[in-house]
Amino acid sequence: MSTREVFRQNLKYYRKLKGFTQESLSEKIGLNPKYITNIEAQGKFPSAETIDAIAEALDLPVSDLFSEQGCPKNALLFDSEKFKEDLINRISNELREEVERCLEKL
């Protein structure tokens, strides 16, 4: 699989994992709302600066976006139940931390 294809697959995977739509991620990095759609549809490949912005928005090291080992297309079996459970746990933890921060301010 090409480096660009690995990037596209990882971008889509991590974007969904973090709860972003294509449009919301595009807007978060300050670009046209269809920018991420164009990348994932294989029409455009981002500049190094944009890749940095995407990684920062997704709270990932840039290397994760290029890792073939983590690329969902290379996984033997994508476990959607595990994905759902991991996402719920991540959101729950983030919400718990936010509530604790708010309560500490009281």
Protein backbone atom coordinates (compact mmCIF):
# COMPACT_ATOMS: atom_id res chain seq x y z
CA MET A 1 0.00 0.00 0.00
CA SER A 2 1.36 3.43 -0.87
CA THR A 3 2.32 5.97 1.78
CA ARG A 4 -0.49 8.25 0.63
CA GLU A 5 -3.05 5.48 0.90
CA VAL A 6 -1.82 4.56 4.39
CA PHE A 7 -2.14 8.24 5.35
CA ARG A 8 -5.68 8.44 3.96
CA GLN A 9 -6.79 5.29 5.75
CA ASN A 10 -5.24 6.37 9.04
CA LEU A 11 -6.70 9.87 8.71
CA LYS A 12 -10.18 8.44 8.24
CA TYR A 13 -9.75 5.98 11.11
CA TYR A 14 -8.39 8.48 13.63
CA ARG A 15 -10.83 11.20 12.54
CA LYS A 16 -13.74 8.90 13.28
CA LEU A 17 -12.13 7.65 16.48
CA LYS A 18 -11.84 11.23 17.73
CA GLY A 19 -15.46 11.99 16.76
CA PHE A 20 -14.83 14.45 13.93
CA THR A 21 -16.79 14.65 10.71
CA GLN A 22 -14.79 15.49 7.59
CA GLU A 23 -16.23 18.99 7.66
CA SER A 24 -15.60 19.61 11.37
CA LEU A 25 -11.96 18.53 11.10
CA SER A 26 -11.47 20.72 8.02
CA GLU A 27 -12.88 23.70 9.89
CA LYS A 28 -10.82 22.94 13.02
CA ILE A 29 -7.62 23.21 10.99
CA GLY A 30 -8.90 26.38 9.30
CA LEU A 31 -9.47 25.06 5.79
CA ASN A 32 -12.36 24.68 3.38
CA PRO A 33 -15.08 22.42 4.87
CA LYS A 34 -14.56 19.90 2.07
CA TYR A 35 -10.76 19.71 2.44
CA ILE A 36 -10.64 16.45 4.42
CA THR A 37 -13.25 14.97 2.07
CA ASN A 38 -10.88 15.68 -0.82
CA ILE A 39 -7.96 14.01 0.96
CA GLU A 40 -9.92 10.91 1.92
CA ALA A 41 -11.37 10.63 -1.60
CA GLN A 42 -7.79 10.49 -2.98
CA GLY A 43 -8.11 13.79 -4.80
CA LYS A 44 -5.64 15.83 -2.77
CA PHE A 45 -2.61 15.27 -0.58
CA PRO A 46 -1.85 17.85 2.10
CA SER A 47 1.27 19.90 2.63
CA ALA A 48 3.61 19.18 5.54
CA GLU A 49 2.14 22.13 7.44
CA THR A 50 -1.39 20.81 6.97
CA ILE A 51 -0.33 17.31 8.06
CA ASP A 52 1.08 18.89 11.24
CA ALA A 53 -2.22 20.74 11.80
CA ILE A 54 -4.24 17.56 11.26
CA ALA A 55 -2.08 15.61 13.71
CA GLU A 56 -2.40 18.39 16.29
CA ALA A 57 -6.18 18.58 15.84
CA LEU A 58 -6.42 14.80 16.28
CA ASP A 59 -4.00 14.92 19.23
CA LEU A 60 -1.66 12.41 17.58
CA PRO A 61 2.00 12.24 16.69
CA VAL A 62 2.41 12.78 12.95
CA SER A 63 4.01 9.34 12.69
CA ASP A 64 0.69 7.69 13.63
CA LEU A 65 -0.82 9.03 10.42
CA PHE A 66 1.83 7.23 8.37
CA SER A 67 2.12 3.97 10.31
CA GLU A 68 1.27 0.95 8.17
CA GLN A 69 1.08 -1.19 11.28
CA GLY A 70 -1.88 0.80 12.56
CA CYS A 71 -3.56 1.20 9.21
CA PRO A 72 -7.09 -0.28 9.40
CA LYS A 73 -6.78 -1.82 5.92
CA ASN A 74 -3.85 -3.87 7.23
CA ALA A 75 -5.76 -5.15 10.23
CA LEU A 76 -6.87 -8.74 9.85
CA LEU A 77 -10.16 -7.99 11.54
CA PHE A 78 -11.65 -4.65 12.44
CA ASP A 79 -13.62 -5.18 15.63
CA SER A 80 -16.40 -2.59 15.52
CA GLU A 81 -17.57 -3.51 19.02
CA LYS A 82 -14.08 -2.87 20.42
CA PHE A 83 -13.93 0.39 18.47
CA LYS A 84 -17.28 1.44 19.96
CA GLU A 85 -16.22 0.41 23.47
CA ASP A 86 -12.89 2.25 23.18
CA LEU A 87 -14.63 5.38 21.92
CA ILE A 88 -17.21 5.30 24.73
CA ASN A 89 -14.44 4.80 27.31
CA ARG A 90 -12.39 7.65 25.89
CA ILE A 91 -15.37 10.03 25.88
CA SER A 92 -16.39 8.93 29.38
CA ASN A 93 -12.88 9.55 30.71
CA GLU A 94 -12.68 12.96 29.07
CA LEU A 95 -16.10 13.90 30.45
CA ARG A 96 -15.14 12.68 33.93
CA GLU A 97 -11.94 14.74 33.83
CA GLU A 98 -13.83 17.83 32.68
CA VAL A 99 -16.42 17.45 35.46
CA GLU A 100 -13.61 17.05 38.01
CA ARG A 101 -11.89 20.20 36.71
CA CYS A 102 -15.16 22.13 36.98
CA LEU A 103 -15.82 20.87 40.50
CA GLU A 104 -12.30 21.83 41.60
CA LYS A 105 -13.03 25.42 40.58
CA LEU A 106 -16.05 25.59 42.89
